[in-house]
Amino acid sequence: MPTPAPTPAPLLACDFDNSTCGFDYTADYDWTLNSGGTSTWNTGPSSDHTSGSGYYMYVEADGNYNTGPFTLLSPTFAECVGEVSFYYHMYAAYGDAFGYMGTLQLEETTDGVSWTTIWTKSGNQGNSWQGATVSIATVHVIRVRWVGTTNSGWTSDMAIDDVIIMSQDLSLIHI
């Protein structure tokens, strides 16, 4: 009887409550580990997604015209990445009337050098956490990263929480 292919398994599950889980958050401009609301009035989340009293990672739009990009880089995985699930928060106090909210992207790499965007969200998404699940069709993805680009004003804080990165289901790959 042939050996069955391994089923997808979590490569990483992170709610940021106890650590940053090996994410590199200082590669470009810094992401910040935070609990409670952001430092800017009426933008960003007021609490984490998990429990309301834990931690999340976010980009502070400080109005100093530092728009990024802000890169949050996963660890490198020995197994191929097959799916990424996470919650994001993109709230601008004045909506998109003046283009205040920026863009959040999820990118993949097979070599650590070339990156491809596999998910993107722009504009005000409301004052609540939103869920996203992104299936990765590319074979041999070893790393993912979130890239946040804010507006030059102070009302485009963006955050992520509750990240789950799953291995690729090798039984679906036909060579």
Protein backbone atom coordinates (compact mmCIF):
# COMPACT_ATOMS: atom_id res chain seq x y z
CA MET A 1 0.00 0.00 0.00
CA PRO A 2 1.49 3.38 -0.98
CA THR A 3 2.27 5.93 1.70
CA PRO A 4 -0.36 8.69 1.69
CA ALA A 5 0.81 12.24 1.04
CA PRO A 6 1.03 14.40 4.14
CA THR A 7 -2.06 16.45 4.90
CA PRO A 8 -1.75 20.20 5.40
CA ALA A 9 -0.62 21.17 8.86
CA PRO A 10 -0.05 24.50 10.58
CA LEU A 11 3.44 25.82 9.95
CA LEU A 12 2.75 28.80 12.21
CA ALA A 13 -0.17 30.00 14.32
CA CYS A 14 0.30 33.39 15.95
CA ASP A 15 -2.06 35.60 17.94
CA PHE A 16 0.86 37.89 18.97
CA ASP A 17 -0.21 37.67 22.62
CA ASN A 18 3.00 36.01 23.82
CA SER A 19 5.51 36.88 21.10
CA THR A 20 6.01 38.08 17.55
CA CYS A 21 6.37 34.40 16.50
CA GLY A 22 9.57 34.89 14.53
CA PHE A 23 8.19 37.61 12.26
CA ASP A 24 10.74 40.21 11.15
CA TYR A 25 8.94 43.50 11.68
CA THR A 26 11.87 45.90 11.28
CA ALA A 27 12.93 45.02 7.70
CA ASP A 28 11.82 48.36 6.22
CA TYR A 29 9.85 50.68 8.44
CA ASP A 30 8.69 49.16 11.70
CA TRP A 31 5.47 47.40 12.53
CA THR A 32 4.54 47.75 16.20
CA LEU A 33 3.33 45.12 18.67
CA ASN A 34 0.40 46.72 20.47
CA SER A 35 -2.41 46.09 22.93
CA GLY A 36 -5.47 48.33 23.21
CA GLY A 37 -5.99 51.19 20.79
CA THR A 38 -3.41 52.78 18.54
CA SER A 39 -1.81 56.08 19.50
CA THR A 40 -3.77 58.01 16.86
CA TRP A 41 -7.32 59.10 17.61
CA ASN A 42 -10.14 57.42 15.66
CA THR A 43 -8.04 55.19 13.40
CA GLY A 44 -6.81 51.63 13.76
CA PRO A 45 -8.26 48.99 16.06
CA SER A 46 -9.29 49.65 19.67
CA SER A 47 -8.29 46.12 20.73
CA ASP A 48 -6.96 42.86 19.33
CA HIS A 49 -9.13 40.40 17.42
CA THR A 50 -8.50 37.33 19.60
CA SER A 51 -9.81 38.33 23.01
CA GLY A 52 -10.12 42.11 23.05
CA SER A 53 -7.31 42.30 25.60
CA GLY A 54 -4.35 40.75 23.76
CA TYR A 55 -1.83 41.98 21.21
CA TYR A 56 -1.68 42.58 17.44
CA MET A 57 0.83 44.03 14.96
CA TYR A 58 0.13 47.38 13.34
CA VAL A 59 1.50 50.20 11.22
CA GLU A 60 1.21 53.69 12.69
CA ALA A 61 0.34 56.40 10.18
CA ASP A 62 1.87 59.32 12.01
CA GLY A 63 1.29 62.19 9.62
CA ASN A 64 5.04 62.67 9.11
CA TYR A 65 4.79 61.64 5.46
CA ASN A 66 6.53 58.33 6.18
CA THR A 67 4.21 56.13 4.11
CA GLY A 68 6.38 53.01 4.08
CA PRO A 69 6.44 50.42 2.76
CA PHE A 70 6.10 48.69 6.12
CA THR A 71 7.05 45.00 5.77
CA LEU A 72 6.11 42.21 8.18
CA LEU A 73 8.10 39.15 7.09
CA SER A 74 7.29 35.57 8.12
CA PRO A 75 10.00 33.13 9.10
CA THR A 76 11.38 30.93 6.30
CA PHE A 77 9.67 27.55 6.25
CA ALA A 78 11.23 24.17 5.35
CA GLU A 79 7.83 23.03 4.04
CA CYS A 80 5.89 24.74 1.26
CA VAL A 81 3.26 27.28 2.30
CA GLY A 82 -0.22 26.39 1.05
CA GLU A 83 -2.62 28.79 2.77
CA VAL A 84 -2.51 31.93 4.88
CA SER A 85 -5.40 33.01 7.12
CA PHE A 86 -5.40 36.22 9.11
CA TYR A 87 -7.48 39.11 10.38
CA TYR A 88 -6.81 42.68 9.29
CA HIS A 89 -8.06 46.09 10.40
CA MET A 90 -8.00 49.11 8.08
CA TYR A 91 -9.98 52.01 9.46
CA ALA A 92 -9.70 55.67 8.47
CA ALA A 93 -11.65 58.14 10.59
CA TYR A 94 -12.79 60.10 7.55
CA GLY A 95 -13.35 57.13 5.27
CA ASP A 96 -11.94 57.41 1.79
CA ALA A 97 -13.27 60.88 1.08
CA PHE A 98 -9.73 62.25 0.99
CA GLY A 99 -7.89 59.01 0.20
CA TYR A 100 -6.83 58.65 3.83
CA MET A 101 -6.53 54.86 3.98
CA GLY A 102 -3.61 53.09 2.36
CA THR A 103 -3.04 49.59 0.97
CA LEU A 104 -2.21 46.27 2.62
CA GLN A 105 -0.75 43.45 0.50
CA LEU A 106 0.21 39.83 1.12
CA GLU A 107 3.14 38.64 -0.98
CA GLU A 108 4.82 35.25 -1.53
CA THR A 109 8.33 34.15 -2.46
CA THR A 110 9.96 30.91 -3.53
CA ASP A 111 13.53 32.21 -3.28
CA GLY A 112 13.48 35.07 -0.74
CA VAL A 113 14.39 37.58 -3.46
CA SER A 114 11.48 37.87 -5.91
CA TRP A 115 8.05 38.62 -4.45
CA THR A 116 4.58 38.26 -5.97
CA THR A 117 1.42 39.91 -4.62
CA ILE A 118 -1.27 37.31 -3.90
CA TRP A 119 -3.81 39.45 -1.99
CA THR A 120 -4.43 43.17 -1.69
CA LYS A 121 -6.89 45.44 0.07
CA SER A 122 -7.11 49.23 -0.26
CA GLY A 123 -9.26 51.90 1.28
CA ASN A 124 -11.32 52.15 4.42
CA GLN A 125 -12.65 48.73 5.48
CA GLY A 126 -14.65 49.95 8.48
CA ASN A 127 -13.95 49.95 12.19
CA SER A 128 -13.88 46.17 12.68
CA TRP A 129 -11.56 43.23 12.14
CA GLN A 130 -12.04 41.48 8.79
CA GLY A 131 -10.96 37.91 8.01
CA ALA A 132 -9.02 36.76 4.96
CA THR A 133 -7.94 33.31 3.77
CA VAL A 134 -5.56 33.15 0.84
CA SER A 135 -4.84 29.84 -0.93
CA ILE A 136 -1.40 29.65 -2.47
CA ALA A 137 -1.23 27.88 -5.82
CA THR A 138 2.49 28.42 -6.41
CA VAL A 139 4.69 25.43 -5.55
CA HIS A 140 7.67 25.89 -3.22
CA VAL A 141 6.59 29.10 -1.46
CA ILE A 142 8.92 29.34 1.55
CA ARG A 143 7.96 32.72 2.99
CA VAL A 144 5.20 35.33 2.97
CA ARG A 145 5.10 38.98 3.96
CA TRP A 146 2.57 41.72 4.54
CA VAL A 147 3.39 45.08 3.01
CA GLY A 148 1.50 48.09 4.31
CA THR A 149 1.64 51.48 2.62
CA THR A 150 -0.12 54.27 4.45
CA ASN A 151 -1.36 57.66 3.36
CA SER A 152 0.74 60.69 4.29
CA GLY A 153 -1.83 61.76 6.90
CA TRP A 154 -2.49 60.32 10.35
CA THR A 155 -5.66 58.32 9.68
CA SER A 156 -4.49 55.18 7.92
CA ASP A 157 -3.33 52.84 10.70
CA MET A 158 -3.57 49.18 9.63
CA ALA A 159 -3.19 46.01 11.69
CA ILE A 160 -3.09 42.21 11.49
CA ASP A 161 -3.83 39.53 14.08
CA ASP A 162 -4.47 35.78 14.42
CA VAL A 163 -2.22 34.57 11.60
CA ILE A 164 -2.31 30.89 10.60
CA ILE A 165 0.08 29.67 7.90
CA MET A 166 -0.65 26.15 6.64
CA SER A 167 1.56 23.75 4.68
CA GLN A 168 0.73 22.91 1.09
CA ASP A 169 -1.41 19.85 0.37
CA LEU A 170 1.11 17.90 -1.71
CA SER A 171 -1.54 15.42 -2.84
CA LEU A 172 -3.00 18.17 -5.05
CA ILE A 173 0.27 18.80 -6.91
CA HIS A 174 0.74 16.89 -10.17
CA ILE A 175 4.31 16.78 -11.39
